[in-house]
Every structure is written in C-alpha cells, then in structure tokens.
Amino acid sequence: MTTSRRLHLDTRAVVLVIGCCAVWAMGQAMSKVALAQIPPVTQCGLRSLGGGLLVLLWTKWRGIRVWERDGTLWPGLLAGTLFAAEFACVYLALGYTTVGRTTTFLYLAPFVVAAGMPFIARSERLGPLGIAGLLLAFAGTVVAFSDGWGAASGSTQWVGDALAVAAAVGWGATTLVIRATSLSGAHPAKTLLYQLGVSGVGLTTLGVAIERPIDWPLTPLVTTSVLFQVIVVSSTSYLVWFWLIREYAAPRLSAFTLLTPIIALAIGTFWLHEAWSVRLLVALVAVSLGLLAVNYRPPAPR
C-alpha cells in the first residue's frame, strides 16, 4: 500500500468528501427518527455491528485480506476505542446540554487534526491563510447553531459541553492515530473494521446495560432509518472517508467536515420543515469561504 499523500484536494476528493458530509448529515436526521423506538447508544452500537458485517462480506467478495498480521492490531484497537468513545460522548452530552452546543463543540475536531498533523507530517501543516479559513468556517458553524446556545439544563450544562469537547478530541485523535501508525498503510476496509468492531461490541453492550429496551416491532420508517445508517453511513461513507484520509492531506479533509452540520440544518429546513433562518445562509457563506481558504493553492511559478 502506498503511504504518499496528495497535499491538495482534487475534484474527485472534493466531490467525495462533500458526499460524505451530506450522508452524515442525513444520517443525523435518520438517527433522530429512529430514536422513537431505539435508544441512542444501542442504536449506534447496532449500526456499527451491521456496518461491520457488510464491510466484512465486501472484503471477502473482493478478496481483500484483513486477517493477516501486519502490525496494525494495537493501533487498530486504539482507533476503535477512540471511535467508540467519541460516539458515546456525543450521545451522553445530549442528556446535559442542547443539540446546538453539542454540535458546535463536536466540530472542534478539525482543529485537533490541524494542531497534531505537523508532528506527523510537516508537509501537511496549514499556513496562516489555511488557519484563518478554518477559523472562519468554524465561526460559520457557531453562527448556524447560535439559536441553540441558550441554557437548557441548568447547572449541568457544562457537563454536556465537556463531553462534546471530549468527543471532538476523540474524533480528531482517531484521524491522527490512523495517520501516525501502521494503519496509514493498511487497506481502508481493515481500518474501518477495527473501529466498527470495537464500537459495535462496546456500544451495544453499554446500551443494553444502561438504556431502555428497543420498542418492537419497528415501524417501516424506523426500519428504513436503520438500514440507511448501516448500509450508507457505517459501511459505504466511512469506507470512502478512510480511503480519503489515506490518500489526501488530513487537515484539509477535516476542514470539510464543518459542512456536515450546515447540511444537516438545511435538511431539517427542507425535509423536516424546521424554521428557516438567515443564520443558515450566513453560515453557508462563511463555511464556503473558509474551505476555499483552507484549500487555496498559490499559482505555481513559471
């Protein structure tokens, strides 16, 4: 496997990463729909188990070797643990603070990646313009979710905020672990299987232990939501994402994830008929300009 990275995103990478963001945004809406019958941690665990099974069947069909010893076991288990901890923190945070605050703090993850990558690959560090673009894009996210910044949980709100920040650190740290260890040369399917396996077993077990039982039988809408999360989110989109991390500069890819909450707000507006806000338009402009700055490539000298 090659471990060289493209320092700038080409058209294919931009299309794929925006597609991933759109899928993740839709996945948030689908997850919200499924909460009516499946509690959050259990839902996330089952999603990972189902996605892991599909990825495993796909590797068998394509003849991809994922069981051979290649020095990725311990880094893979670490990445899987961080992946599971990230999602556990997100769902637990929602019990203490608002969705807007949780989402805003979660998307501190690109800053974790930008801060850590110079220690792994100095060629991928962001320059002053890139850092400014990242700050502008994050500011757009804050503007978009500013309606949700009101206190909703009294004195315990800081607990939810802290959990959301921990989730952001977990997300960013997962990317850094993948890039800094032998996982950087592993097949994306193997990297994904480590994370889906650990999170699937761990979060399902935790959900069964602490949450209410699943409300059977599932409605067609909830069933469709679960299938979308398993087939499209957990298996397909994550497989694409980890391939992108292997091939392209991680800080520039991570900056694009700031599109996810903006797309989620747009989906809520047009699909769930939630109230439209001028903040969404301002946020879209800010995030777009920020991403242009992050991925700006100066003209090559003649």
Protein backbone atom coordinates (compact mmCIF):
# COMPACT_ATOMS: atom_id res chain seq x y z
CA MET A 1 0.00 0.00 0.00
CA THR A 2 1.23 3.45 -0.83
CA THR A 3 1.54 5.94 2.01
CA SER A 4 2.21 9.08 -0.05
CA ARG A 5 -0.34 11.87 0.32
CA ARG A 6 -1.72 14.44 -2.07
CA LEU A 7 -1.28 17.75 -0.29
CA HIS A 8 -4.17 19.44 -2.13
CA LEU A 9 -7.64 18.11 -2.82
CA ASP A 10 -8.53 17.43 -6.44
CA THR A 11 -12.06 17.44 -7.86
CA ARG A 12 -12.63 13.79 -7.03
CA ALA A 13 -11.66 14.29 -3.39
CA VAL A 14 -13.86 17.37 -3.02
CA VAL A 15 -16.87 15.56 -4.51
CA LEU A 16 -16.33 12.51 -2.31
CA VAL A 17 -15.82 14.43 0.93
CA ILE A 18 -18.87 16.63 0.31
CA GLY A 19 -20.82 13.46 -0.44
CA CYS A 20 -19.68 12.01 2.89
CA CYS A 21 -20.76 15.18 4.69
CA ALA A 22 -24.19 15.01 3.04
CA VAL A 23 -24.57 11.35 4.03
CA TRP A 24 -23.55 12.07 7.64
CA ALA A 25 -25.98 14.98 7.80
CA MET A 26 -28.79 12.76 6.51
CA GLY A 27 -27.68 10.11 8.99
CA GLN A 28 -28.24 12.56 11.86
CA ALA A 29 -31.82 13.10 10.67
CA MET A 30 -32.34 9.34 10.28
CA SER A 31 -30.93 8.71 13.75
CA LYS A 32 -33.33 11.26 15.19
CA VAL A 33 -36.23 9.44 13.51
CA ALA A 34 -35.12 6.07 14.91
CA LEU A 35 -34.87 7.40 18.49
CA ALA A 36 -38.63 6.90 18.74
CA GLN A 37 -38.03 3.15 19.13
CA ILE A 38 -34.28 2.56 19.53
CA PRO A 39 -32.32 4.40 22.27
CA PRO A 40 -29.22 6.28 21.09
CA VAL A 41 -26.25 4.27 22.37
CA THR A 42 -27.89 0.96 21.43
CA GLN A 43 -28.75 2.39 18.02
CA CYS A 44 -25.17 3.50 17.43
CA GLY A 45 -23.79 0.12 18.50
CA LEU A 46 -26.16 -1.83 16.27
CA ARG A 47 -25.33 0.49 13.39
CA SER A 48 -21.63 -0.30 13.81
CA LEU A 49 -22.27 -4.04 14.09
CA GLY A 50 -24.37 -4.07 10.94
CA GLY A 51 -21.91 -1.89 9.04
CA GLY A 52 -19.01 -4.05 10.16
CA LEU A 53 -20.72 -7.19 8.90
CA LEU A 54 -21.35 -5.61 5.49
CA VAL A 55 -17.74 -4.41 5.20
CA LEU A 56 -16.50 -7.89 6.17
CA LEU A 57 -18.69 -9.52 3.49
CA TRP A 58 -17.46 -6.95 0.95
CA THR A 59 -13.80 -7.71 1.73
CA LYS A 60 -14.46 -11.43 1.32
CA TRP A 61 -16.17 -10.82 -2.03
CA ARG A 62 -13.32 -8.61 -3.26
CA GLY A 63 -10.63 -10.92 -1.90
CA ILE A 64 -9.19 -8.27 0.41
CA ARG A 65 -7.06 -9.72 3.20
CA VAL A 66 -7.98 -8.27 6.56
CA TRP A 67 -6.93 -11.05 8.94
CA GLU A 68 -3.21 -11.19 8.13
CA ARG A 69 -0.71 -9.97 10.70
CA ASP A 70 0.63 -6.60 9.63
CA GLY A 71 1.37 -4.78 12.88
CA THR A 72 -1.95 -2.92 12.94
CA LEU A 73 -3.65 -4.75 15.82
CA TRP A 74 -2.83 -2.38 18.68
CA PRO A 75 -3.20 0.83 16.66
CA GLY A 76 -6.45 -0.56 15.30
CA LEU A 77 -7.81 -1.31 18.76
CA LEU A 78 -6.78 2.18 19.89
CA ALA A 79 -8.52 3.79 16.90
CA GLY A 80 -11.60 1.68 17.55
CA THR A 81 -11.68 2.67 21.21
CA LEU A 82 -11.40 6.37 20.32
CA PHE A 83 -14.13 5.94 17.70
CA ALA A 84 -16.46 4.31 20.23
CA ALA A 85 -15.66 6.88 22.93
CA GLU A 86 -16.43 9.72 20.52
CA PHE A 87 -19.94 8.49 19.81
CA ALA A 88 -20.61 7.60 23.44
CA CYS A 89 -19.63 11.15 24.49
CA VAL A 90 -21.87 12.68 21.80
CA TYR A 91 -24.96 10.79 22.87
CA LEU A 92 -24.29 11.30 26.58
CA ALA A 93 -23.71 15.02 26.02
CA LEU A 94 -27.22 15.42 24.61
CA GLY A 95 -28.61 14.49 28.01
CA TYR A 96 -26.97 17.54 29.61
CA THR A 97 -26.86 20.28 27.01
CA THR A 98 -28.53 21.45 23.81
CA VAL A 99 -28.11 19.98 20.35
CA GLY A 100 -26.68 23.27 19.12
CA ARG A 101 -23.95 23.41 21.75
CA THR A 102 -23.09 19.72 21.31
CA THR A 103 -22.76 20.06 17.54
CA THR A 104 -20.70 23.24 17.77
CA PHE A 105 -18.20 21.76 20.22
CA LEU A 106 -18.02 18.48 18.26
CA TYR A 107 -16.74 20.32 15.22
CA LEU A 108 -13.65 21.44 17.08
CA ALA A 109 -12.23 18.17 15.70
CA PRO A 110 -10.60 19.78 12.60
CA PHE A 111 -8.58 21.99 14.96
CA VAL A 112 -7.32 18.87 16.76
CA VAL A 113 -6.20 17.44 13.41
CA ALA A 114 -4.64 20.73 12.28
CA ALA A 115 -2.73 21.02 15.57
CA GLY A 116 -1.48 17.44 15.55
CA MET A 117 -0.57 16.86 11.91
CA PRO A 118 2.65 18.97 11.91
CA PHE A 119 4.08 16.46 14.40
CA ILE A 120 3.24 13.63 11.98
CA ALA A 121 3.77 15.16 8.54
CA ARG A 122 5.11 18.71 8.40
CA SER A 123 4.23 18.95 4.71
CA GLU A 124 0.54 18.83 5.64
CA ARG A 125 0.52 21.71 8.09
CA LEU A 126 -1.80 24.60 7.33
CA GLY A 127 -0.35 28.03 6.66
CA PRO A 128 -1.73 31.31 8.05
CA LEU A 129 -4.37 31.51 5.31
CA GLY A 130 -5.46 27.93 5.99
CA ILE A 131 -5.73 28.56 9.73
CA ALA A 132 -7.75 31.71 9.06
CA GLY A 133 -10.03 29.76 6.73
CA LEU A 134 -10.53 27.06 9.37
CA LEU A 135 -11.46 29.70 11.95
CA LEU A 136 -13.88 31.34 9.51
CA ALA A 137 -15.55 28.00 8.71
CA PHE A 138 -15.91 27.20 12.41
CA ALA A 139 -17.34 30.66 13.04
CA GLY A 140 -19.94 29.89 10.39
CA THR A 141 -20.89 26.73 12.28
CA VAL A 142 -21.23 28.71 15.51
CA VAL A 143 -23.48 31.24 13.75
CA ALA A 144 -25.65 28.47 12.32
CA PHE A 145 -26.25 26.92 15.73
CA SER A 146 -26.42 30.14 17.74
CA ASP A 147 -30.15 29.61 18.34
CA GLY A 148 -29.32 26.52 20.35
CA TRP A 149 -26.92 28.22 22.73
CA GLY A 150 -29.48 29.01 25.36
CA ALA A 151 -29.13 27.22 28.68
CA ALA A 152 -31.41 24.18 28.76
CA SER A 153 -30.04 22.01 31.53
CA GLY A 154 -29.23 24.38 34.35
CA SER A 155 -26.01 23.87 36.24
CA THR A 156 -25.27 20.56 34.49
CA GLN A 157 -24.85 22.14 31.04
CA TRP A 158 -21.07 22.32 31.48
CA VAL A 159 -21.01 18.51 31.74
CA GLY A 160 -22.57 18.20 28.29
CA ASP A 161 -20.19 20.81 26.88
CA ALA A 162 -17.21 18.93 28.31
CA LEU A 163 -18.46 15.64 26.84
CA ALA A 164 -18.90 17.27 23.42
CA VAL A 165 -15.35 18.64 23.54
CA ALA A 166 -14.13 15.17 24.54
CA ALA A 167 -15.96 13.76 21.52
CA ALA A 168 -14.21 16.29 19.26
CA VAL A 169 -10.84 15.31 20.71
CA GLY A 170 -11.71 11.64 20.16
CA TRP A 171 -12.65 12.26 16.53
CA GLY A 172 -9.51 14.26 15.81
CA ALA A 173 -7.32 11.81 17.72
CA THR A 174 -8.73 8.91 15.69
CA THR A 175 -7.61 10.60 12.47
CA LEU A 176 -4.17 11.30 13.93
CA VAL A 177 -3.73 7.71 15.14
CA ILE A 178 -4.60 6.41 11.68
CA ARG A 179 -2.07 8.72 10.06
CA ALA A 180 0.72 8.25 12.61
CA THR A 181 0.73 4.46 12.89
CA SER A 182 0.86 1.39 10.69
CA LEU A 183 -2.82 1.95 9.93
CA SER A 184 -1.73 4.62 7.44
CA GLY A 185 -0.63 1.88 5.06
CA ALA A 186 -3.45 -0.56 5.79
CA HIS A 187 -6.37 -1.09 3.49
CA PRO A 188 -9.22 1.34 4.39
CA ALA A 189 -11.57 -1.62 4.92
CA LYS A 190 -9.31 -3.03 7.63
CA THR A 191 -9.03 0.35 9.33
CA LEU A 192 -12.81 0.66 9.29
CA LEU A 193 -13.36 -2.86 10.59
CA TYR A 194 -11.26 -2.14 13.67
CA GLN A 195 -13.47 0.83 14.50
CA LEU A 196 -16.81 -0.74 13.68
CA GLY A 197 -15.89 -3.91 15.55
CA VAL A 198 -14.80 -2.20 18.77
CA SER A 199 -17.62 0.37 18.74
CA GLY A 200 -20.23 -2.19 17.70
CA VAL A 201 -19.49 -4.62 20.52
CA GLY A 202 -18.72 -1.95 23.12
CA LEU A 203 -21.61 0.45 22.49
CA THR A 204 -24.21 -2.28 22.00
CA THR A 205 -23.17 -3.85 25.30
CA LEU A 206 -23.25 -0.45 27.03
CA GLY A 207 -26.63 0.41 25.53
CA VAL A 208 -28.21 -2.87 26.63
CA ALA A 209 -26.84 -2.32 30.13
CA ILE A 210 -27.95 1.29 30.72
CA GLU A 211 -30.77 2.07 28.29
CA ARG A 212 -34.40 1.09 27.85
CA PRO A 213 -35.18 -1.90 25.61
CA ILE A 214 -35.91 -1.50 21.91
CA ASP A 215 -39.59 -0.91 21.20
CA TRP A 216 -40.54 -3.80 18.94
CA PRO A 217 -41.87 -4.15 16.27
CA LEU A 218 -40.10 -1.43 14.32
CA THR A 219 -42.17 0.79 12.05
CA PRO A 220 -41.30 0.92 8.32
CA LEU A 221 -39.87 4.43 8.80
CA VAL A 222 -37.58 3.38 11.65
CA THR A 223 -36.54 0.25 9.75
CA THR A 224 -35.63 2.39 6.73
CA SER A 225 -33.67 4.71 9.00
CA VAL A 226 -31.66 1.84 10.49
CA LEU A 227 -30.94 0.35 7.07
CA PHE A 228 -29.73 3.72 5.80
CA GLN A 229 -27.39 4.10 8.76
CA VAL A 230 -25.99 0.58 8.35
CA ILE A 231 -25.67 0.41 4.57
CA VAL A 232 -24.93 4.00 3.59
CA VAL A 233 -23.40 5.64 6.69
CA SER A 234 -21.48 3.00 8.62
CA SER A 235 -20.19 0.93 5.73
CA THR A 236 -20.10 2.93 2.49
CA SER A 237 -19.40 6.51 3.65
CA TYR A 238 -16.87 5.54 6.32
CA LEU A 239 -15.03 3.31 3.86
CA VAL A 240 -14.77 6.27 1.47
CA TRP A 241 -13.66 8.56 4.32
CA PHE A 242 -10.83 6.33 5.46
CA TRP A 243 -9.66 5.92 1.88
CA LEU A 244 -9.58 9.71 1.59
CA ILE A 245 -7.55 10.00 4.81
CA ARG A 246 -5.03 7.55 3.39
CA GLU A 247 -4.69 9.39 0.08
CA TYR A 248 -5.02 13.12 0.88
CA ALA A 249 -3.85 15.70 3.42
CA ALA A 250 -5.83 15.15 6.62
CA PRO A 251 -6.20 18.81 7.79
CA ARG A 252 -7.81 19.85 4.51
CA LEU A 253 -10.18 16.87 4.58
CA SER A 254 -11.12 17.50 8.20
CA ALA A 255 -11.95 21.14 7.43
CA PHE A 256 -14.65 19.93 5.03
CA THR A 257 -16.45 18.12 7.86
CA LEU A 258 -17.63 21.55 9.02
CA LEU A 259 -20.10 21.28 6.14
CA THR A 260 -21.92 18.41 7.88
CA PRO A 261 -23.88 20.43 10.50
CA ILE A 262 -24.72 23.07 7.89
CA ILE A 263 -26.11 20.43 5.52
CA ALA A 264 -27.97 18.89 8.47
CA LEU A 265 -29.63 22.24 9.16
CA ALA A 266 -30.59 22.52 5.50
CA ILE A 267 -32.08 19.02 5.58
CA GLY A 268 -34.03 19.94 8.70
CA THR A 269 -35.36 23.02 6.94
CA PHE A 270 -36.44 21.43 3.67
CA TRP A 271 -37.27 17.86 4.73
CA LEU A 272 -38.38 18.14 8.35
CA HIS A 273 -39.92 21.60 7.74
CA GLU A 274 -37.99 23.21 10.56
CA ALA A 275 -37.87 27.00 10.66
CA TRP A 276 -35.60 28.71 8.13
CA SER A 277 -33.11 31.20 9.49
CA VAL A 278 -30.93 33.80 7.81
CA ARG A 279 -28.17 32.42 10.04
CA LEU A 280 -28.07 29.33 7.82
CA LEU A 281 -27.32 31.42 4.73
CA VAL A 282 -24.62 33.38 6.60
CA ALA A 283 -23.12 30.13 7.84
CA LEU A 284 -23.06 28.59 4.37
CA VAL A 285 -21.19 31.60 3.00
CA ALA A 286 -18.70 31.61 5.90
CA VAL A 287 -18.02 27.88 5.69
CA SER A 288 -17.63 28.01 1.90
CA LEU A 289 -15.17 30.91 2.06
CA GLY A 290 -13.28 29.21 4.88
CA LEU A 291 -12.93 25.98 2.91
CA LEU A 292 -11.69 27.90 -0.12
CA ALA A 293 -9.01 29.48 2.07
CA VAL A 294 -8.01 26.15 3.63
CA ASN A 295 -7.60 24.55 0.21
CA TYR A 296 -6.14 27.55 -1.60
CA ARG A 297 -3.21 26.61 -3.80
CA PRO A 298 -0.94 29.51 -4.82
CA PRO A 299 -0.13 29.70 -8.53
CA ALA A 300 2.95 27.73 -9.47
CA PRO A 301 5.88 29.96 -10.51
CA ARG A 302 6.65 29.94 -14.20
